[in-house]
Amino acid sequence: MKTGKLIDIECQCGRLLFRYFKAGKGRIIKCIISHIHEDLVGLSRVSTFSKPLCPACGKELGIIMMIHGEPALKLNQGTIKGIRI
């Protein structure tokens, strides 16, 4: 992969959801499933158009969609802690 950073994605409640490889700058709007380094929620096993939940507080993380031919989690910005690179 290109150069980038591993970023911890956390819920607003403080629970670590997954570690994501972020290439480039800016906010995290979508997370491509194949770029998830360490999955603590089980996103790799969910189907398209499902809405995964935080295991700790039960908030909706976003929706799984096909983006550029790959499954990706389109994040609900109010659920995760703000991260900007």
Protein backbone atom coordinates (compact mmCIF):
# COMPACT_ATOMS: atom_id res chain seq x y z
CA MET A 1 0.00 0.00 0.00
CA LYS A 2 0.92 3.64 -0.17
CA THR A 3 2.41 5.49 2.73
CA GLY A 4 -0.04 6.41 5.44
CA LYS A 5 -0.86 5.99 9.12
CA LEU A 6 -2.61 3.48 11.30
CA ILE A 7 -5.38 5.29 13.16
CA ASP A 8 -7.46 4.11 16.10
CA ILE A 9 -11.17 4.64 15.39
CA GLU A 10 -13.14 5.01 18.63
CA CYS A 11 -16.80 5.43 19.46
CA GLN A 12 -17.98 8.49 21.39
CA CYS A 13 -18.28 6.23 24.45
CA GLY A 14 -14.51 5.53 24.29
CA ARG A 15 -14.59 1.94 22.96
CA LEU A 16 -11.90 1.10 20.38
CA LEU A 17 -13.72 -0.13 17.26
CA PHE A 18 -10.91 -0.83 14.80
CA ARG A 19 -7.50 0.28 13.56
CA TYR A 20 -7.62 1.75 10.07
CA PHE A 21 -4.88 2.44 7.52
CA LYS A 22 -5.43 6.06 6.40
CA ALA A 23 -3.63 7.28 3.30
CA GLY A 24 -3.77 10.98 2.59
CA LYS A 25 -5.03 13.94 4.56
CA GLY A 26 -8.44 15.06 5.77
CA ARG A 27 -11.34 13.70 7.74
CA ILE A 28 -12.34 10.06 7.76
CA ILE A 29 -15.68 9.80 5.97
CA LYS A 30 -15.60 6.20 4.79
CA CYS A 31 -13.47 3.22 5.76
CA ILE A 32 -12.77 0.61 3.11
CA ILE A 33 -13.09 -2.81 4.75
CA SER A 34 -9.88 -4.16 3.17
CA HIS A 35 -7.88 -1.28 4.75
CA ILE A 36 -8.97 -2.19 8.29
CA HIS A 37 -5.87 -3.52 10.03
CA GLU A 38 -7.40 -4.81 13.28
CA ASP A 39 -11.18 -5.35 13.38
CA LEU A 40 -12.63 -5.45 16.91
CA VAL A 41 -16.30 -5.10 15.85
CA GLY A 42 -16.53 -7.77 13.13
CA LEU A 43 -17.07 -5.52 10.10
CA SER A 44 -15.46 -8.00 7.71
CA ARG A 45 -18.32 -10.47 8.25
CA VAL A 46 -21.32 -8.15 7.74
CA SER A 47 -23.29 -7.88 4.52
CA THR A 48 -23.87 -4.88 2.28
CA PHE A 49 -26.45 -2.29 3.49
CA SER A 50 -26.24 -3.53 7.08
CA LYS A 51 -25.81 -1.00 9.88
CA PRO A 52 -23.24 -2.22 12.43
CA LEU A 53 -23.54 -1.10 16.07
CA CYS A 54 -21.03 -0.24 18.78
CA PRO A 55 -20.76 -3.28 21.08
CA ALA A 56 -20.53 -1.07 24.18
CA CYS A 57 -23.23 1.60 23.78
CA GLY A 58 -25.32 0.32 20.84
CA LYS A 59 -24.98 3.42 18.64
CA GLU A 60 -25.14 2.96 14.88
CA LEU A 61 -21.64 3.30 13.34
CA GLY A 62 -22.78 3.85 9.75
CA ILE A 63 -23.80 1.75 6.77
CA ILE A 64 -21.87 -0.80 4.70
CA MET A 65 -21.96 0.25 1.02
CA MET A 66 -20.14 -0.62 -2.18
CA ILE A 67 -17.81 2.31 -2.94
CA HIS A 68 -15.57 2.07 -6.03
CA GLY A 69 -16.34 -1.65 -6.25
CA GLU A 70 -15.24 -2.46 -2.68
CA PRO A 71 -17.28 -2.79 0.51
CA ALA A 72 -16.79 0.20 2.78
CA LEU A 73 -18.26 1.59 5.99
CA LYS A 74 -19.73 5.04 5.39
CA LEU A 75 -19.36 6.49 8.86
CA ASN A 76 -22.00 8.23 10.92
CA GLN A 77 -19.94 11.29 11.96
CA GLY A 78 -21.86 11.78 15.22
CA THR A 79 -20.94 8.33 16.48
CA ILE A 80 -17.13 8.29 16.22
CA LYS A 81 -14.63 10.58 17.89
CA GLY A 82 -13.41 13.31 15.57
CA ILE A 83 -10.10 12.48 13.91
CA ARG A 84 -8.43 14.67 11.33
CA ILE A 85 -5.06 14.17 9.68
